Amino acid sequence: MSGLQQMDNRVSRASNLLLRSVVLGAGSCLPKRIVSNADLEKTLDTTDAWIIQRTGIKQRHVAAEDEPTSRLGLLAAEAALGEAGLKPQDLDLVLVATSTPDYTFPATATQIQAMLGMTNGAAFDLQAVCSGFIFALAAADKFLTSGSHKRALVVGAETFSRLLDWTDRRTCVLFGDGAGALVLEAREGAGTSSDRGVLTTQLRSDGRHRDKLYVDGGPSMTQTTGHLRMAGREVFRHAVGMVTDVVSQAFAATGTCAGDLDWFVPHQANRRIIDASAEKLGIAPNKVVVTIDLHGNTSAASIPLALAVARGDGRIKRGDLVMIEAMGGGFTWASALIRW
């Protein structure tokens, strides 16, 4: 631990203040190629109207061969660092949430670290599928608020198109590729919900649901990449209840309620799930950030992409209270409440 970090810890203990993980910058990256529903109509027994009605998706971005997960993550990271006004050398932690790493190993985080020119600190991947970004955010928050690290880059990056069976209309219409990133810094707060930064994270998992959403390949089982498989009705049936559970727990942990939120930024999996969750939680539709129509489900990249969009167009402002949530394969589900 550096002398500066030790001093930060002493100041916090002496003044009874808490360290918070404060967001300094957000960034995103989308592949150049856009695949519309009309494009999919040419090869699948489906229609634009059917896809929109069932999912809310109008198009998705699909990565080219020269756009691996690390490349998308790098560009999102550079954009986030730019907004934060920081250089890669200012970071001491890089976490990447992904289910589609460049390689089985080394970690995609180390590839992004190298491409940034960062040689200090630590970098590693974290895998919790669509909930991965919140799991990674929670991990970074623990490092920063413990005082062991000062600044973290948290990336959600995916090339889910590599996992799709493009003849299966039940799954291939749903997913897209992309990356999003946040830069966080440990700063002192008073320990109230008025503090800037991550106020709480709520993480859950239940491995009994593996067969409802999974990839049918892997190095240990089949020595192949495999394809994504999903029991859509079962996922939908569990999603709203699981999401509202962790969001309600976040409210309880911070003494806040739906009426206090400025923005609700859910995982962009399905428009019907988003609408049903917001309604059940009592969150007004005009407070819900929706990007699924343009991006599809980008798994761990979904939430940071949506945050970057809402930050970039001026909706999310400093001091805003933002709730994020997700559910993914495993099942995993999670929420985080952030004061921007």
Protein backbone atom coordinates (compact mmCIF):
# COMPACT_ATOMS: atom_id res chain seq x y z
CA MET A 1 0.00 0.00 0.00
CA SER A 2 1.40 3.43 -0.90
CA GLY A 3 2.02 6.22 1.61
CA LEU A 4 -0.75 8.26 -0.01
CA GLN A 5 -3.25 5.43 0.41
CA GLN A 6 -2.21 4.92 4.05
CA MET A 7 -2.66 8.65 4.67
CA ASP A 8 -6.16 8.50 3.10
CA ASN A 9 -7.08 5.68 5.49
CA ARG A 10 -5.81 7.59 8.52
CA VAL A 11 -7.71 10.73 7.56
CA SER A 12 -10.92 8.74 7.08
CA ARG A 13 -10.60 7.02 10.46
CA ALA A 14 -9.67 10.20 12.27
CA SER A 15 -12.58 12.22 10.88
CA ASN A 16 -15.16 9.39 10.99
CA LEU A 17 -15.72 9.80 7.27
CA LEU A 18 -16.24 6.92 4.83
CA LEU A 19 -14.51 6.28 1.55
CA ARG A 20 -16.88 6.20 -1.43
CA SER A 21 -16.23 5.03 -4.99
CA VAL A 22 -17.08 8.16 -7.01
CA VAL A 23 -17.71 8.03 -10.76
CA LEU A 24 -15.37 10.38 -12.62
CA GLY A 25 -16.02 9.34 -16.21
CA ALA A 26 -18.09 7.11 -18.48
CA GLY A 27 -17.38 5.86 -21.99
CA SER A 28 -18.66 3.44 -24.59
CA CYS A 29 -17.84 1.78 -27.89
CA LEU A 30 -20.04 0.07 -30.47
CA PRO A 31 -18.89 -1.94 -33.49
CA LYS A 32 -19.27 -0.22 -36.84
CA ARG A 33 -21.58 -2.81 -38.38
CA ILE A 34 -25.30 -2.49 -37.66
CA VAL A 35 -27.66 -5.43 -38.27
CA SER A 36 -31.31 -4.41 -38.48
CA ASN A 37 -34.36 -6.60 -38.02
CA ALA A 38 -34.93 -6.26 -41.75
CA ASP A 39 -31.49 -7.80 -42.33
CA LEU A 40 -32.45 -10.79 -40.17
CA GLU A 41 -35.70 -11.25 -42.08
CA LYS A 42 -33.61 -12.29 -45.08
CA THR A 43 -32.20 -15.39 -43.38
CA LEU A 44 -34.63 -16.22 -40.55
CA ASP A 45 -38.31 -17.07 -40.28
CA THR A 46 -39.08 -13.84 -38.43
CA THR A 47 -40.25 -10.29 -39.01
CA ASP A 48 -39.32 -6.83 -37.83
CA ALA A 49 -42.77 -6.47 -36.24
CA TRP A 50 -42.45 -9.77 -34.34
CA ILE A 51 -39.01 -8.88 -32.93
CA ILE A 52 -40.10 -5.40 -31.84
CA GLN A 53 -43.31 -6.68 -30.26
CA ARG A 54 -41.58 -9.43 -28.27
CA THR A 55 -38.33 -7.65 -27.37
CA GLY A 56 -38.33 -3.95 -28.25
CA ILE A 57 -35.19 -4.43 -30.36
CA LYS A 58 -34.89 -2.71 -33.75
CA GLN A 59 -31.19 -3.25 -34.45
CA ARG A 60 -27.94 -4.44 -32.91
CA HIS A 61 -24.21 -3.91 -33.55
CA VAL A 62 -22.10 -6.90 -34.61
CA ALA A 63 -18.33 -6.93 -34.26
CA ALA A 64 -16.06 -7.57 -37.24
CA GLU A 65 -13.12 -9.97 -37.10
CA ASP A 66 -10.78 -7.10 -36.24
CA GLU A 67 -13.03 -5.94 -33.38
CA PRO A 68 -12.36 -8.39 -30.51
CA THR A 69 -13.71 -7.82 -27.02
CA SER A 70 -10.45 -6.19 -25.89
CA ARG A 71 -10.58 -3.64 -28.72
CA LEU A 72 -14.13 -2.58 -27.85
CA GLY A 73 -13.21 -2.43 -24.16
CA LEU A 74 -10.10 -0.36 -24.89
CA LEU A 75 -12.04 2.30 -26.81
CA ALA A 76 -14.70 2.49 -24.09
CA ALA A 77 -11.95 2.79 -21.47
CA GLU A 78 -10.20 5.59 -23.35
CA ALA A 79 -13.48 7.49 -23.62
CA ALA A 80 -14.13 7.10 -19.87
CA LEU A 81 -10.60 8.24 -19.02
CA GLY A 82 -11.08 11.23 -21.32
CA GLU A 83 -14.21 12.35 -19.47
CA ALA A 84 -12.46 11.79 -16.15
CA GLY A 85 -9.46 13.86 -17.27
CA LEU A 86 -7.09 11.08 -16.25
CA LYS A 87 -4.27 9.09 -17.83
CA PRO A 88 -3.91 5.29 -17.69
CA GLN A 89 -1.00 5.71 -15.27
CA ASP A 90 -3.44 7.30 -12.80
CA LEU A 91 -5.23 3.94 -12.42
CA ASP A 92 -4.19 1.12 -10.11
CA LEU A 93 -6.98 -1.37 -10.86
CA VAL A 94 -8.67 -2.64 -14.04
CA LEU A 95 -11.67 -4.99 -13.88
CA VAL A 96 -13.34 -6.35 -17.00
CA ALA A 97 -16.72 -8.07 -16.91
CA THR A 98 -17.12 -10.35 -19.91
CA SER A 99 -18.39 -13.76 -20.98
CA THR A 100 -16.59 -13.47 -24.33
CA PRO A 101 -12.88 -12.99 -23.54
CA ASP A 102 -10.31 -12.75 -26.29
CA TYR A 103 -8.62 -15.89 -24.99
CA THR A 104 -9.26 -18.55 -22.37
CA PHE A 105 -6.27 -16.82 -20.78
CA PRO A 106 -4.69 -14.36 -20.27
CA ALA A 107 -7.47 -12.16 -18.94
CA THR A 108 -8.94 -9.60 -21.33
CA ALA A 109 -8.33 -7.01 -18.57
CA THR A 110 -4.59 -7.53 -18.92
CA GLN A 111 -4.86 -7.03 -22.69
CA ILE A 112 -6.67 -3.73 -22.16
CA GLN A 113 -4.14 -2.78 -19.48
CA ALA A 114 -1.30 -3.40 -21.93
CA MET A 115 -2.97 -1.50 -24.78
CA LEU A 116 -3.51 1.46 -22.46
CA GLY A 117 0.20 1.43 -21.69
CA MET A 118 -0.49 0.86 -18.01
CA THR A 119 2.17 -1.17 -16.21
CA ASN A 120 1.22 -0.58 -12.59
CA GLY A 121 -1.59 -2.00 -10.48
CA ALA A 122 -3.66 -5.12 -11.09
CA ALA A 123 -6.02 -6.24 -13.86
CA PHE A 124 -8.38 -9.21 -13.96
CA ASP A 125 -11.64 -10.46 -15.49
CA LEU A 126 -14.89 -11.26 -13.75
CA GLN A 127 -17.67 -13.44 -15.19
CA ALA A 128 -21.30 -13.18 -14.09
CA VAL A 129 -22.86 -12.94 -17.58
CA CYS A 130 -25.39 -10.09 -17.87
CA SER A 131 -24.95 -9.16 -14.19
CA GLY A 132 -21.19 -9.06 -14.66
CA PHE A 133 -20.77 -5.30 -14.76
CA ILE A 134 -22.49 -4.82 -11.40
CA PHE A 135 -20.47 -7.68 -9.90
CA ALA A 136 -17.29 -6.00 -11.20
CA LEU A 137 -18.45 -2.61 -9.93
CA ALA A 138 -19.06 -4.16 -6.50
CA ALA A 139 -15.58 -5.71 -6.49
CA ALA A 140 -13.95 -2.42 -7.47
CA ASP A 141 -15.96 -0.64 -4.78
CA LYS A 142 -14.59 -3.02 -2.14
CA PHE A 143 -11.01 -2.40 -3.25
CA LEU A 144 -11.45 1.37 -3.29
CA THR A 145 -13.37 1.74 -0.04
CA SER A 146 -10.90 -0.52 1.79
CA GLY A 147 -8.18 1.99 0.95
CA SER A 148 -6.01 -0.56 -0.85
CA HIS A 149 -6.49 1.14 -4.24
CA LYS A 150 -7.18 4.70 -5.34
CA ARG A 151 -8.66 4.62 -8.86
CA ALA A 152 -10.31 1.83 -10.84
CA LEU A 153 -11.40 1.26 -14.40
CA VAL A 154 -14.46 -1.00 -14.63
CA VAL A 155 -15.31 -2.28 -18.12
CA GLY A 156 -18.19 -4.35 -19.45
CA ALA A 157 -17.30 -5.66 -22.90
CA GLU A 158 -18.85 -8.37 -25.05
CA THR A 159 -18.79 -9.91 -28.52
CA PHE A 160 -21.83 -12.09 -27.95
CA SER A 161 -22.26 -12.52 -31.70
CA ARG A 162 -19.42 -15.07 -31.48
CA LEU A 163 -21.63 -17.28 -29.26
CA LEU A 164 -24.83 -17.17 -31.30
CA ASP A 165 -26.40 -19.83 -33.46
CA TRP A 166 -27.48 -17.57 -36.32
CA THR A 167 -30.09 -20.13 -37.41
CA ASP A 168 -31.89 -20.00 -34.03
CA ARG A 169 -34.39 -17.14 -34.20
CA ARG A 170 -35.19 -17.51 -30.49
CA THR A 171 -31.75 -16.26 -29.47
CA CYS A 172 -29.84 -14.64 -32.33
CA VAL A 173 -32.29 -11.74 -32.66
CA LEU A 174 -31.73 -10.74 -29.03
CA PHE A 175 -28.02 -10.05 -28.65
CA GLY A 176 -25.46 -7.53 -29.83
CA ASP A 177 -21.86 -6.48 -29.25
CA GLY A 178 -20.38 -3.47 -27.49
CA ALA A 179 -18.52 -2.11 -24.49
CA GLY A 180 -18.95 0.46 -21.76
CA ALA A 181 -16.70 1.67 -18.96
CA LEU A 182 -16.62 3.74 -15.78
CA VAL A 183 -13.65 5.32 -14.01
CA LEU A 184 -13.99 5.40 -10.21
CA GLU A 185 -11.96 7.17 -7.54
CA ALA A 186 -11.95 6.71 -3.77
CA ARG A 187 -13.13 9.90 -2.09
CA GLU A 188 -14.36 10.75 1.36
CA GLY A 189 -18.07 10.91 2.10
CA ALA A 190 -20.19 11.56 5.16
CA GLY A 191 -21.75 8.10 5.09
CA THR A 192 -25.22 9.24 4.02
CA SER A 193 -27.28 8.74 0.87
CA SER A 194 -26.33 12.30 -0.12
CA ASP A 195 -22.72 11.21 -0.71
CA ARG A 196 -21.46 11.01 -4.26
CA GLY A 197 -20.41 7.52 -5.32
CA VAL A 198 -21.54 3.93 -4.99
CA LEU A 199 -23.96 3.84 -2.04
CA THR A 200 -24.71 0.10 -2.03
CA THR A 201 -24.40 -3.04 -4.15
CA GLN A 202 -26.64 -6.09 -3.86
CA LEU A 203 -25.43 -9.36 -5.44
CA ARG A 204 -27.24 -12.69 -5.74
CA SER A 205 -26.82 -16.02 -7.55
CA ASP A 206 -28.55 -19.40 -7.75
CA GLY A 207 -26.77 -22.08 -9.76
CA ARG A 208 -29.80 -24.35 -9.89
CA HIS A 209 -31.04 -22.39 -12.91
CA ARG A 210 -28.09 -23.20 -15.21
CA ASP A 211 -30.13 -25.00 -17.86
CA LYS A 212 -32.41 -21.97 -18.41
CA LEU A 213 -29.66 -19.76 -19.85
CA TYR A 214 -26.24 -21.13 -20.74
CA VAL A 215 -23.65 -21.80 -23.45
CA ASP A 216 -23.41 -25.46 -24.52
CA GLY A 217 -19.62 -25.47 -24.84
CA GLY A 218 -16.43 -24.75 -22.93
CA PRO A 219 -12.78 -25.81 -22.63
CA SER A 220 -13.35 -28.37 -19.87
CA MET A 221 -16.63 -29.89 -21.09
CA THR A 222 -16.49 -29.89 -24.90
CA GLN A 223 -13.24 -28.17 -25.91
CA THR A 224 -15.39 -25.86 -28.06
CA THR A 225 -16.84 -22.36 -27.73
CA GLY A 226 -20.42 -23.57 -28.04
CA HIS A 227 -23.64 -21.63 -28.64
CA LEU A 228 -25.98 -19.71 -26.36
CA ARG A 229 -29.13 -21.60 -25.34
CA MET A 230 -32.07 -20.08 -23.51
CA ALA A 231 -35.48 -21.06 -22.18
CA GLY A 232 -36.98 -17.65 -22.81
CA ARG A 233 -40.26 -18.06 -20.95
CA GLU A 234 -38.49 -19.36 -17.85
CA VAL A 235 -36.02 -16.48 -17.86
CA PHE A 236 -38.85 -13.97 -18.22
CA ARG A 237 -40.80 -15.65 -15.43
CA HIS A 238 -37.96 -15.24 -12.94
CA ALA A 239 -36.56 -11.91 -14.13
CA VAL A 240 -39.04 -9.37 -12.78
CA GLY A 241 -39.16 -10.89 -9.29
CA MET A 242 -35.39 -11.20 -9.00
CA VAL A 243 -34.80 -7.66 -10.24
CA THR A 244 -37.32 -6.10 -7.90
CA ASP A 245 -35.83 -8.09 -5.00
CA VAL A 246 -32.34 -6.61 -5.31
CA VAL A 247 -33.60 -3.11 -6.10
CA SER A 248 -35.84 -3.18 -3.02
CA GLN A 249 -32.86 -4.37 -0.95
CA ALA A 250 -30.81 -1.42 -2.25
CA PHE A 251 -33.55 0.99 -1.20
CA ALA A 252 -33.69 -0.61 2.25
CA ALA A 253 -29.91 -0.45 2.68
CA THR A 254 -29.78 3.27 1.91
CA GLY A 255 -33.07 4.52 3.31
CA THR A 256 -34.23 5.65 -0.12
CA CYS A 257 -37.24 4.84 -2.28
CA ALA A 258 -38.32 4.85 -5.92
CA GLY A 259 -39.47 8.45 -5.65
CA ASP A 260 -35.91 9.54 -4.78
CA LEU A 261 -34.45 8.21 -8.02
CA ASP A 262 -33.47 10.50 -10.84
CA TRP A 263 -32.76 7.61 -13.21
CA PHE A 264 -33.38 3.88 -13.43
CA VAL A 265 -30.87 2.20 -15.77
CA PRO A 266 -31.78 -1.48 -16.09
CA HIS A 267 -30.01 -4.22 -17.98
CA GLN A 268 -31.25 -4.01 -21.55
CA ALA A 269 -32.47 -7.58 -22.05
CA ASN A 270 -36.10 -7.20 -23.08
CA ARG A 271 -38.36 -4.15 -23.21
CA ARG A 272 -41.22 -6.05 -21.58
CA ILE A 273 -39.01 -7.00 -18.61
CA ILE A 274 -37.83 -3.40 -18.28
CA ASP A 275 -41.38 -2.01 -18.31
CA ALA A 276 -42.75 -4.66 -15.93
CA SER A 277 -39.90 -4.15 -13.44
CA ALA A 278 -40.26 -0.36 -13.42
CA GLU A 279 -44.02 -0.63 -12.96
CA LYS A 280 -43.69 -3.11 -10.08
CA LEU A 281 -41.14 -0.87 -8.36
CA GLY A 282 -43.24 2.27 -8.86
CA ILE A 283 -40.65 3.99 -11.05
CA ALA A 284 -42.06 6.54 -13.50
CA PRO A 285 -41.50 5.70 -17.20
CA ASN A 286 -39.80 9.05 -17.83
CA LYS A 287 -37.06 8.07 -15.37
CA VAL A 288 -36.17 4.81 -17.20
CA VAL A 289 -33.19 4.81 -19.57
CA VAL A 290 -33.88 2.50 -22.53
CA THR A 291 -31.31 1.68 -25.23
CA ILE A 292 -32.35 -1.86 -26.14
CA ASP A 293 -34.00 -0.69 -29.36
CA LEU A 294 -30.61 0.37 -30.77
CA HIS A 295 -28.19 -2.03 -29.05
CA GLY A 296 -30.05 -5.25 -28.28
CA ASN A 297 -28.84 -7.25 -25.28
CA THR A 298 -25.10 -6.66 -24.94
CA SER A 299 -24.83 -8.68 -21.71
CA ALA A 300 -22.17 -7.23 -19.35
CA ALA A 301 -21.78 -4.19 -21.64
CA SER A 302 -25.47 -3.33 -21.44
CA ILE A 303 -25.55 -1.16 -18.32
CA PRO A 304 -22.33 0.84 -18.86
CA LEU A 305 -23.38 1.45 -22.47
CA ALA A 306 -26.74 2.81 -21.29
CA LEU A 307 -25.04 4.91 -18.60
CA ALA A 308 -22.65 6.39 -21.16
CA VAL A 309 -25.54 7.22 -23.50
CA ALA A 310 -27.55 8.92 -20.75
CA ARG A 311 -24.47 10.75 -19.51
CA GLY A 312 -23.51 11.82 -23.03
CA ASP A 313 -26.92 13.24 -23.92
CA GLY A 314 -27.12 15.20 -20.67
CA ARG A 315 -29.75 13.19 -18.84
CA ILE A 316 -27.50 11.96 -16.03
CA LYS A 317 -25.96 14.93 -14.21
CA ARG A 318 -23.68 15.31 -11.23
CA GLY A 319 -25.60 14.63 -8.04
CA ASP A 320 -28.27 12.48 -9.70
CA LEU A 321 -29.35 9.31 -7.92
CA VAL A 322 -29.07 6.37 -10.33
CA MET A 323 -30.24 2.78 -9.81
CA ILE A 324 -28.78 0.03 -12.00
CA GLU A 325 -29.85 -3.62 -12.05
CA ALA A 326 -29.33 -6.80 -14.05
CA MET A 327 -30.08 -10.50 -14.27
CA GLY A 328 -27.98 -13.04 -16.13
CA GLY A 329 -27.22 -16.69 -16.68
CA GLY A 330 -26.46 -18.79 -13.66
CA PHE A 331 -28.81 -17.27 -12.54
CA THR A 332 -27.08 -14.15 -11.25
CA TRP A 333 -28.84 -10.90 -10.40
CA ALA A 334 -27.67 -7.64 -8.88
CA SER A 335 -28.30 -3.96 -8.26
CA ALA A 336 -26.29 -0.89 -7.33
CA LEU A 337 -27.34 2.58 -6.23
CA ILE A 338 -25.01 5.38 -7.30
CA ARG A 339 -24.98 9.09 -6.57
CA TRP A 340 -23.35 10.48 -9.73
